[in-house]
PDB file of N, CA and C in Angstrom:
ATOM      1  N   UNK A   1       0.950  -1.155   0.169  1.00  0.00           N
ATOM      2  CA  UNK A   1      -0.134  -0.573  -0.030  1.00  0.00           C
ATOM      3  C   UNK A   1       0.811   0.770   0.076  1.00  0.00           C
ATOM      4  N   UNK A   2       0.655   2.005  -1.208  1.00  0.00           N
ATOM      5  CA  UNK A   2       1.234   3.377  -0.918  1.00  0.00           C
ATOM      6  C   UNK A   2       0.622   4.634  -0.088  1.00  0.00           C
ATOM      7  N   UNK A   3       1.272   5.663   0.522  1.00  0.00           N
ATOM      8  CA  UNK A   3       0.759   6.732   1.334  1.00  0.00           C
ATOM      9  C   UNK A   3       1.636   7.482   0.368  1.00  0.00           C
ATOM     10  N   UNK A   4       0.896   9.211   0.607  1.00  0.00           N
ATOM     11  CA  UNK A   4       1.432  10.198   0.643  1.00  0.00           C
ATOM     12  C   UNK A   4       1.426  11.074   2.281  1.00  0.00           C
ATOM     13  N   UNK A   5       3.356  11.305   2.452  1.00  0.00           N
ATOM     14  CA  UNK A   5       3.342  12.111   3.997  1.00  0.00           C
ATOM     15  C   UNK A   5       3.742  13.391   3.625  1.00  0.00           C
ATOM     16  N   UNK A   6       3.105  14.162   4.420  1.00  0.00           N
ATOM     17  CA  UNK A   6       3.896  15.385   4.670  1.00  0.00           C
ATOM     18  C   UNK A   6       4.574  15.489   5.805  1.00  0.00           C
ATOM     19  N   UNK A   7       5.733  15.754   6.318  1.00  0.00           N
ATOM     20  CA  UNK A   7       6.107  15.968   7.889  1.00  0.00           C
ATOM     21  C   UNK A   7       6.810  17.160   7.311  1.00  0.00           C
ATOM     22  N   UNK A   8       6.738  17.970   8.844  1.00  0.00           N
ATOM     23  CA  UNK A   8       7.469  18.997   9.254  1.00  0.00           C
ATOM     24  C   UNK A   8       7.772  19.499   9.985  1.00  0.00           C
ATOM     25  N   UNK A   9       9.107  19.166  10.502  1.00  0.00           N
ATOM     26  CA  UNK A   9       9.908  19.470  11.165  1.00  0.00           C
ATOM     27  C   UNK A   9      10.112  21.241  12.296  1.00  0.00           C
ATOM     28  N   UNK A  10      10.451  21.086  13.092  1.00  0.00           N
ATOM     29  CA  UNK A  10      10.317  22.260  13.577  1.00  0.00           C
ATOM     30  C   UNK A  10      11.536  21.773  14.926  1.00  0.00           C
ATOM     31  N   UNK A  11      12.726  22.203  15.003  1.00  0.00           N
ATOM     32  CA  UNK A  11      13.936  21.734  15.885  1.00  0.00           C
ATOM     33  C   UNK A  11      13.612  22.746  16.858  1.00  0.00           C
ATOM     34  N   UNK A  12      14.450  21.744  17.647  1.00  0.00           N
ATOM     35  CA  UNK A  12      14.568  23.194  19.180  1.00  0.00           C
ATOM     36  C   UNK A  12      14.854  24.489  19.198  1.00  0.00           C
ATOM     37  N   UNK A  13      14.593  25.451  19.880  1.00  0.00           N
ATOM     38  CA  UNK A  13      15.668  26.816  19.639  1.00  0.00           C
ATOM     39  C   UNK A  13      16.807  26.731  20.290  1.00  0.00           C
ATOM     40  N   UNK A  14      17.047  25.879  21.373  1.00  0.00           N
ATOM     41  CA  UNK A  14      18.416  25.982  22.267  1.00  0.00           C
ATOM     42  C   UNK A  14      18.864  24.907  21.715  1.00  0.00           C
ATOM     43  N   UNK A  15      18.253  24.291  20.295  1.00  0.00           N
ATOM     44  CA  UNK A  15      19.322  22.803  20.516  1.00  0.00           C
ATOM     45  C   UNK A  15      20.773  23.008  19.862  1.00  0.00           C
ATOM     46  N   UNK A  16      21.342  21.709  20.418  1.00  0.00           N
ATOM     47  CA  UNK A  16      22.608  21.579  20.335  1.00  0.00           C
ATOM     48  C   UNK A  16      23.265  21.563  19.063  1.00  0.00           C
ATOM     49  N   UNK A  17      23.836  22.293  18.255  1.00  0.00           N
ATOM     50  CA  UNK A  17      24.204  22.316  16.870  1.00  0.00           C
ATOM     51  C   UNK A  17      24.417  20.722  16.625  1.00  0.00           C
ATOM     52  N   UNK A  18      25.246  19.883  17.592  1.00  0.00           N
ATOM     53  CA  UNK A  18      26.406  19.054  17.190  1.00  0.00           C
ATOM     54  C   UNK A  18      24.788  17.524  17.274  1.00  0.00           C
ATOM     55  N   UNK A  19      24.844  17.845  17.832  1.00  0.00           N
ATOM     56  CA  UNK A  19      22.928  17.117  18.271  1.00  0.00           C
ATOM     57  C   UNK A  19      22.001  17.142  16.987  1.00  0.00           C
ATOM     58  N   UNK A  20      21.457  18.372  16.384  1.00  0.00           N
ATOM     59  CA  UNK A  20      21.350  18.367  15.176  1.00  0.00           C
ATOM     60  C   UNK A  20      21.983  17.932  13.999  1.00  0.00           C
ATOM     61  N   UNK A  21      23.182  18.466  14.120  1.00  0.00           N
ATOM     62  CA  UNK A  21      24.219  17.862  13.145  1.00  0.00           C
ATOM     63  C   UNK A  21      24.321  16.100  12.963  1.00  0.00           C
ATOM     64  N   UNK A  22      24.317  16.101  14.285  1.00  0.00           N
ATOM     65  CA  UNK A  22      24.189  13.500  13.851  1.00  0.00           C
ATOM     66  C   UNK A  22      22.637  13.926  13.312  1.00  0.00           C
ATOM     67  N   UNK A  23      21.208  14.059  14.078  1.00  0.00           N
ATOM     68  CA  UNK A  23      20.377  14.218  13.721  1.00  0.00           C
ATOM     69  C   UNK A  23      20.196  13.593  12.059  1.00  0.00           C
ATOM     70  N   UNK A  24      20.586  15.078  11.815  1.00  0.00           N
ATOM     71  CA  UNK A  24      20.675  15.113  10.235  1.00  0.00           C
ATOM     72  C   UNK A  24      21.310  13.740  10.017  1.00  0.00           C
ATOM     73  N   UNK A  25      22.113  13.525   9.981  1.00  0.00           N
ATOM     74  CA  UNK A  25      22.881  12.299   9.567  1.00  0.00           C
ATOM     75  C   UNK A  25      22.680  11.260   9.780  1.00  0.00           C
ATOM     76  N   UNK A  26      21.903  11.009  10.870  1.00  0.00           N
ATOM     77  CA  UNK A  26      21.153   9.333  11.045  1.00  0.00           C
ATOM     78  C   UNK A  26      20.354   9.691  10.408  1.00  0.00           C
ATOM     79  N   UNK A  27      19.516  10.611  10.150  1.00  0.00           N
ATOM     80  CA  UNK A  27      18.180  10.653   9.690  1.00  0.00           C
ATOM     81  C   UNK A  27      18.479   9.913   7.872  1.00  0.00           C
ATOM     82  N   UNK A  28      19.819  10.538   7.539  1.00  0.00           N
ATOM     83  CA  UNK A  28      19.595  10.469   6.164  1.00  0.00           C
ATOM     84  C   UNK A  28      20.381   9.061   5.554  1.00  0.00           C
ATOM     85  N   UNK A  29      20.856   8.246   6.553  1.00  0.00           N
ATOM     86  CA  UNK A  29      21.423   7.089   6.564  1.00  0.00           C
ATOM     87  C   UNK A  29      20.111   6.297   6.897  1.00  0.00           C
ATOM     88  N   UNK A  30      18.705   6.261   7.439  1.00  0.00           N
ATOM     89  CA  UNK A  30      18.374   5.736   7.919  1.00  0.00           C
ATOM     90  C   UNK A  30      17.300   5.642   7.047  1.00  0.00           C
ATOM     91  N   UNK A  31      17.082   7.014   6.287  1.00  0.00           N
ATOM     92  CA  UNK A  31      16.126   7.157   4.736  1.00  0.00           C
ATOM     93  C   UNK A  31      17.269   5.850   3.766  1.00  0.00           C
ATOM     94  N   UNK A  32      18.530   6.046   4.108  1.00  0.00           N
ATOM     95  CA  UNK A  32      19.017   5.284   2.447  1.00  0.00           C
ATOM     96  C   UNK A  32      19.028   3.919   2.819  1.00  0.00           C
ATOM     97  N   UNK A  33      18.476   3.569   4.337  1.00  0.00           N
ATOM     98  CA  UNK A  33      17.782   1.858   4.639  1.00  0.00           C
ATOM     99  C   UNK A  33      16.817   1.916   4.387  1.00  0.00           C
ATOM    100  N   UNK A  34      16.022   3.004   4.117  1.00  0.00           N
ATOM    101  CA  UNK A  34      14.395   2.452   3.924  1.00  0.00           C
ATOM    102  C   UNK A  34      14.182   2.629   2.360  1.00  0.00           C
ATOM    103  N   UNK A  35      14.776   3.061   1.697  1.00  0.00           N
ATOM    104  CA  UNK A  35      14.864   3.277  -0.390  1.00  0.00           C
ATOM    105  C   UNK A  35      15.290   1.911   0.211  1.00  0.00           C
ATOM    106  N   UNK A  36      16.423   1.588   0.358  1.00  0.00           N
ATOM    107  CA  UNK A  36      16.677  -0.167  -0.037  1.00  0.00           C
ATOM    108  C   UNK A  36      15.808  -1.026   0.080  1.00  0.00           C
ATOM    109  N   UNK A  37      14.773  -0.983   1.021  1.00  0.00           N
ATOM    110  CA  UNK A  37      13.666  -1.206   1.764  1.00  0.00           C
ATOM    111  C   UNK A  37      12.588  -1.677   0.991  1.00  0.00           C
ATOM    112  N   UNK A  38      12.517  -0.490   0.568  1.00  0.00           N
ATOM    113  CA  UNK A  38      11.042  -0.098  -0.698  1.00  0.00           C
ATOM    114  C   UNK A  38      10.206   0.477  -0.117  1.00  0.00           C
ATOM    115  N   UNK A  39      10.600   1.066   1.499  1.00  0.00           N
ATOM    116  CA  UNK A  39       9.303   1.734   1.865  1.00  0.00           C
ATOM    117  C   UNK A  39       9.166   3.181   1.545  1.00  0.00           C
ATOM    118  N   UNK A  40      10.773   3.587   1.245  1.00  0.00           N
ATOM    119  CA  UNK A  40      10.646   4.999   1.420  1.00  0.00           C
ATOM    120  C   UNK A  40      10.691   4.980  -0.546  1.00  0.00           C
ATOM    121  N   UNK A  41       9.589   5.784  -1.064  1.00  0.00           N
ATOM    122  CA  UNK A  41       9.483   5.856  -2.884  1.00  0.00           C
ATOM    123  C   UNK A  41       9.937   6.601  -3.259  1.00  0.00           C
ATOM    124  N   UNK A  42      10.044   7.924  -2.682  1.00  0.00           N
ATOM    125  CA  UNK A  42       9.891   9.296  -3.645  1.00  0.00           C
ATOM    126  C   UNK A  42      10.410  10.706  -2.179  1.00  0.00           C
ATOM    127  N   UNK A  43      10.768  11.268  -2.435  1.00  0.00           N
ATOM    128  CA  UNK A  43      10.830  12.532  -1.293  1.00  0.00           C
ATOM    129  C   UNK A  43      10.982  13.391  -2.232  1.00  0.00           C
ATOM    130  N   UNK A  44      10.338  14.992  -1.691  1.00  0.00           N
ATOM    131  CA  UNK A  44      10.489  16.033  -2.157  1.00  0.00           C
ATOM    132  C   UNK A  44      10.340  17.057  -0.848  1.00  0.00           C
ATOM    133  N   UNK A  45      11.481  18.066  -1.351  1.00  0.00           N
ATOM    134  CA  UNK A  45      11.613  18.853   0.174  1.00  0.00           C
ATOM    135  C   UNK A  45      11.054  20.051  -0.296  1.00  0.00           C
ATOM    136  N   UNK A  46       9.949  21.093   0.482  1.00  0.00           N
ATOM    137  CA  UNK A  46       9.247  22.070   0.146  1.00  0.00           C
ATOM    138  C   UNK A  46      10.614  23.044   0.426  1.00  0.00           C
ATOM    139  N   UNK A  47      10.662  23.762  -0.509  1.00  0.00           N
ATOM    140  CA  UNK A  47      11.462  25.077  -0.840  1.00  0.00           C
ATOM    141  C   UNK A  47      10.819  26.196   0.851  1.00  0.00           C
ATOM    142  N   UNK A  48      11.760  27.081   1.408  1.00  0.00           N
ATOM    143  CA  UNK A  48      12.329  27.390   2.604  1.00  0.00           C
ATOM    144  C   UNK A  48      11.615  27.159   3.270  1.00  0.00           C
ATOM    145  N   UNK A  49      11.299  25.830   3.544  1.00  0.00           N
ATOM    146  CA  UNK A  49      10.390  25.061   5.109  1.00  0.00           C
ATOM    147  C   UNK A  49      11.242  23.867   5.728  1.00  0.00           C
ATOM    148  N   UNK A  50      11.185  23.741   6.954  1.00  0.00           N
ATOM    149  CA  UNK A  50      11.302  22.374   6.956  1.00  0.00           C
ATOM    150  C   UNK A  50      10.204  20.903   7.271  1.00  0.00           C
ATOM    151  N   UNK A  51      10.839  20.693   5.921  1.00  0.00           N
ATOM    152  CA  UNK A  51       8.739  19.818   5.155  1.00  0.00           C
ATOM    153  C   UNK A  51       9.516  19.369   4.356  1.00  0.00           C
ATOM    154  N   UNK A  52       8.817  18.265   4.049  1.00  0.00           N
ATOM    155  CA  UNK A  52       9.112  17.316   2.893  1.00  0.00           C
ATOM    156  C   UNK A  52       7.788  16.843   2.000  1.00  0.00           C
ATOM    157  N   UNK A  53       6.984  15.974   1.157  1.00  0.00           N
ATOM    158  CA  UNK A  53       6.586  15.242   1.550  1.00  0.00           C
ATOM    159  C   UNK A  53       6.948  14.019   0.653  1.00  0.00           C
ATOM    160  N   UNK A  54       6.734  12.800   0.749  1.00  0.00           N
ATOM    161  CA  UNK A  54       6.870  11.537   0.426  1.00  0.00           C
ATOM    162  C   UNK A  54       5.952  10.794   0.408  1.00  0.00           C
ATOM    163  N   UNK A  55       6.448   9.545  -1.022  1.00  0.00           N
ATOM    164  CA  UNK A  55       5.511   8.452  -1.340  1.00  0.00           C
ATOM    165  C   UNK A  55       6.145   7.803  -0.227  1.00  0.00           C
ATOM    166  N   UNK A  56       5.618   6.629   0.793  1.00  0.00           N
ATOM    167  CA  UNK A  56       5.715   5.570   1.396  1.00  0.00           C
ATOM    168  C   UNK A  56       5.116   4.142   1.498  1.00  0.00           C
ATOM    169  N   UNK A  57       5.534   2.826   1.391  1.00  0.00           N
ATOM    170  CA  UNK A  57       5.126   2.212   0.983  1.00  0.00           C
ATOM    171  C   UNK A  57       4.638   1.507   2.307  1.00  0.00           C
ATOM    172  N   UNK A  58       4.269   0.670   2.734  1.00  0.00           N
ATOM    173  CA  UNK A  58       3.861  -0.119   3.837  1.00  0.00           C
ATOM    174  C   UNK A  58       2.939  -1.317   4.011  1.00  0.00           C
ATOM    175  N   UNK A  59       2.915  -2.296   4.645  1.00  0.00           N
ATOM    176  CA  UNK A  59       1.563  -3.705   4.013  1.00  0.00           C
ATOM    177  C   UNK A  59       0.029  -2.728   5.169  1.00  0.00           C
ATOM    178  N   UNK A  60       0.369  -2.130   5.670  1.00  0.00           N
ATOM    179  CA  UNK A  60      -0.978  -0.967   6.677  1.00  0.00           C
ATOM    180  C   UNK A  60      -0.845   0.359   7.295  1.00  0.00           C
ATOM    181  N   UNK A  61      -1.507   0.741   7.125  1.00  0.00           N
ATOM    182  CA  UNK A  61      -1.478   2.225   7.965  1.00  0.00           C
ATOM    183  C   UNK A  61      -0.369   1.927   9.714  1.00  0.00           C
ATOM    184  N   UNK A  62      -0.815   0.710  10.017  1.00  0.00           N
ATOM    185  CA  UNK A  62       0.337   0.371  11.113  1.00  0.00           C
ATOM    186  C   UNK A  62       1.962   0.589  11.315  1.00  0.00           C
ATOM    187  N   UNK A  63       1.706  -0.294   9.752  1.00  0.00           N
ATOM    188  CA  UNK A  63       3.400   0.122   9.340  1.00  0.00           C
ATOM    189  C   UNK A  63       4.331   0.584   9.448  1.00  0.00           C
ATOM    190  N   UNK A  64       3.060   1.748   8.556  1.00  0.00           N
ATOM    191  CA  UNK A  64       3.655   3.152   7.934  1.00  0.00           C
ATOM    192  C   UNK A  64       3.830   3.830   9.307  1.00  0.00           C
ATOM    193  N   UNK A  65       3.279   3.626  10.657  1.00  0.00           N
ATOM    194  CA  UNK A  65       3.257   4.651  11.988  1.00  0.00           C
ATOM    195  C   UNK A  65       4.519   4.090  12.371  1.00  0.00           C
ATOM    196  N   UNK A  66       5.146   2.763  12.579  1.00  0.00           N
ATOM    197  CA  UNK A  66       6.156   1.814  13.234  1.00  0.00           C
ATOM    198  C   UNK A  66       7.156   3.111  12.417  1.00  0.00           C
ATOM    199  N   UNK A  67       6.960   2.475  11.411  1.00  0.00           N
ATOM    200  CA  UNK A  67       8.462   3.369  10.527  1.00  0.00           C
ATOM    201  C   UNK A  67       8.806   4.977  10.883  1.00  0.00           C
ATOM    202  N   UNK A  68       7.500   5.092  10.268  1.00  0.00           N
ATOM    203  CA  UNK A  68       8.034   7.098  10.675  1.00  0.00           C
ATOM    204  C   UNK A  68       8.146   7.070  11.976  1.00  0.00           C
ATOM    205  N   UNK A  69       7.299   7.015  13.282  1.00  0.00           N
ATOM    206  CA  UNK A  69       7.799   6.536  14.196  1.00  0.00           C
ATOM    207  C   UNK A  69       9.382   6.368  15.214  1.00  0.00           C
ATOM    208  N   UNK A  70      10.190   6.095  14.113  1.00  0.00           N
ATOM    209  CA  UNK A  70      10.932   4.793  14.686  1.00  0.00           C
ATOM    210  C   UNK A  70      11.974   5.802  13.739  1.00  0.00           C
ATOM    211  N   UNK A  71      12.025   7.175  12.764  1.00  0.00           N
ATOM    212  CA  UNK A  71      13.351   8.121  12.001  1.00  0.00           C
ATOM    213  C   UNK A  71      13.356   8.625  13.454  1.00  0.00           C
ATOM    214  N   UNK A  72      14.810   9.047  13.013  1.00  0.00           N
ATOM    215  CA  UNK A  72      16.000   9.675  14.268  1.00  0.00           C
ATOM    216  C   UNK A  72      15.650  11.490  14.618  1.00  0.00           C
ATOM    217  N   UNK A  73      14.800  11.664  13.836  1.00  0.00           N
ATOM    218  CA  UNK A  73      13.988  13.154  13.664  1.00  0.00           C
ATOM    219  C   UNK A  73      12.659  13.250  14.212  1.00  0.00           C
ATOM    220  N   UNK A  74      12.007  11.666  14.667  1.00  0.00           N
ATOM    221  CA  UNK A  74      10.934  11.666  15.026  1.00  0.00           C
ATOM    222  C   UNK A  74      10.725  13.125  16.157  1.00  0.00           C
ATOM    223  N   UNK A  75      11.423  12.369  17.370  1.00  0.00           N
ATOM    224  CA  UNK A  75      11.464  13.886  18.311  1.00  0.00           C
ATOM    225  C   UNK A  75      10.466  14.719  17.623  1.00  0.00           C
ATOM    226  N   UNK A  76      11.101  15.583  16.311  1.00  0.00           N
ATOM    227  CA  UNK A  76      10.781  17.222  16.059  1.00  0.00           C
ATOM    228  C   UNK A  76       9.860  17.327  15.330  1.00  0.00           C
ATOM    229  N   UNK A  77       9.277  15.821  15.049  1.00  0.00           N
ATOM    230  CA  UNK A  77       8.594  16.349  13.501  1.00  0.00           C
ATOM    231  C   UNK A  77       7.253  16.443  14.230  1.00  0.00           C
ATOM    232  N   UNK A  78       6.813  17.924  14.332  1.00  0.00           N
ATOM    233  CA  UNK A  78       5.488  18.410  14.630  1.00  0.00           C
ATOM    234  C   UNK A  78       4.044  18.023  13.968  1.00  0.00           C
ATOM    235  N   UNK A  79       4.307  18.218  12.415  1.00  0.00           N
ATOM    236  CA  UNK A  79       2.712  17.840  12.016  1.00  0.00           C
ATOM    237  C   UNK A  79       2.804  16.902  10.667  1.00  0.00           C
ATOM    238  N   UNK A  80       2.461  15.997  11.204  1.00  0.00           N
ATOM    239  CA  UNK A  80       2.418  14.673  10.058  1.00  0.00           C
ATOM    240  C   UNK A  80       1.116  14.121   9.560  1.00  0.00           C
ATOM    241  N   UNK A  81       0.718  15.042   7.809  1.00  0.00           N
ATOM    242  CA  UNK A  81      -0.429  14.235   8.035  1.00  0.00           C
ATOM    243  C   UNK A  81       0.162  13.318   6.552  1.00  0.00           C
ATOM    244  N   UNK A  82      -0.905  12.120   6.826  1.00  0.00           N
ATOM    245  CA  UNK A  82      -1.010  10.467   5.596  1.00  0.00           C
ATOM    246  C   UNK A  82      -2.546  10.535   4.926  1.00  0.00           C
ATOM    247  N   UNK A  83      -1.873  10.388   3.922  1.00  0.00           N
ATOM    248  CA  UNK A  83      -2.825  10.481   2.589  1.00  0.00           C
ATOM    249  C   UNK A  83      -3.158   9.444   1.856  1.00  0.00           C
ATOM    250  N   UNK A  84      -3.702   8.045   2.598  1.00  0.00           N
ATOM    251  CA  UNK A  84      -3.435   6.078   1.494  1.00  0.00           C
ATOM    252  C   UNK A  84      -4.096   6.993   0.141  1.00  0.00           C
ATOM    253  N   UNK A  85      -3.395   6.275  -0.443  1.00  0.00           N
ATOM    254  CA  UNK A  85      -3.243   6.454  -1.988  1.00  0.00           C
ATOM    255  C   UNK A  85      -3.822   4.602  -2.248  1.00  0.00           C
ATOM    256  N   UNK A  86      -4.649   4.846  -3.001  1.00  0.00           N
ATOM    257  CA  UNK A  86      -5.275   3.669  -4.024  1.00  0.00           C
ATOM    258  C   UNK A  86      -4.681   4.158  -5.543  1.00  0.00           C
ATOM    259  N   UNK A  87      -4.955   3.468  -6.598  1.00  0.00           N
ATOM    260  CA  UNK A  87      -4.781   3.110  -8.196  1.00  0.00           C
ATOM    261  C   UNK A  87      -5.752   3.680  -8.867  1.00  0.00           C
ATOM    262  N   UNK A  88      -5.290   4.698  -9.950  1.00  0.00           N
ATOM    263  CA  UNK A  88      -6.683   5.330 -10.619  1.00  0.00           C
ATOM    264  C   UNK A  88      -6.009   4.514 -12.046  1.00  0.00           C
ATOM    265  N   UNK A  89      -7.004   4.412 -12.807  1.00  0.00           N
ATOM    266  CA  UNK A  89      -6.932   3.559 -14.131  1.00  0.00           C
ATOM    267  C   UNK A  89      -6.229   4.609 -15.062  1.00  0.00           C
ATOM    268  N   UNK A  90      -6.061   6.165 -14.798  1.00  0.00           N
ATOM    269  CA  UNK A  90      -5.800   6.626 -15.777  1.00  0.00           C
ATOM    270  C   UNK A  90      -4.061   6.790 -15.677  1.00  0.00           C
ATOM    271  N   UNK A  91      -3.651   6.546 -14.048  1.00  0.00           N
ATOM    272  CA  UNK A  91      -2.308   6.523 -13.824  1.00  0.00           C
ATOM    273  C   UNK A  91      -0.972   6.291 -14.699  1.00  0.00           C
ATOM    274  N   UNK A  92      -0.327   6.620 -15.028  1.00  0.00           N
ATOM    275  CA  UNK A  92       0.350   6.982 -15.732  1.00  0.00           C
ATOM    276  C   UNK A  92       2.072   5.729 -16.098  1.00  0.00           C
ATOM    277  N   UNK A  93       1.887   5.753 -14.497  1.00  0.00           N
ATOM    278  CA  UNK A  93       2.940   4.476 -13.311  1.00  0.00           C
ATOM    279  C   UNK A  93       2.180   3.287 -13.203  1.00  0.00           C
ATOM    280  N   UNK A  94       0.762   2.882 -13.631  1.00  0.00           N
ATOM    281  CA  UNK A  94       0.425   1.973 -13.260  1.00  0.00           C
ATOM    282  C   UNK A  94       1.223   0.772 -13.245  1.00  0.00           C
ATOM    283  N   UNK A  95       1.590   0.502 -14.568  1.00  0.00           N
ATOM    284  CA  UNK A  95       2.275  -0.518 -14.854  1.00  0.00           C
ATOM    285  C   UNK A  95       3.521  -0.917 -14.229  1.00  0.00           C
ATOM    286  N   UNK A  96       3.648   0.337 -13.918  1.00  0.00           N
ATOM    287  CA  UNK A  96       5.032   0.334 -13.244  1.00  0.00           C
ATOM    288  C   UNK A  96       4.893  -0.321 -11.641  1.00  0.00           C
ATOM    289  N   UNK A  97       4.326  -0.237 -11.170  1.00  0.00           N
ATOM    290  CA  UNK A  97       4.234  -0.557  -9.566  1.00  0.00           C
ATOM    291  C   UNK A  97       4.460  -1.995  -9.004  1.00  0.00           C
TER     292      UNK A  97
END
């Protein structure tokens, strides 16, 4: 099952810069693993904001929840919106999935 997910980040104002850099590094490494596993399909950054949109795959909403709450930056994710997706008959990529 695929999900369109919007994640907004809010770093702590007094966050230790070294901790922030470590979390960013861990987040990117973790994302690389999720990509290899086929759980993170696409990711887009929203310009000028700490926000992203992504296509995620999971067997169900519970698995997606476990994946996202397991992200290193999860404690700083203040707004997460999830849209379950269904196939559309005119999707040009319908045969690629």
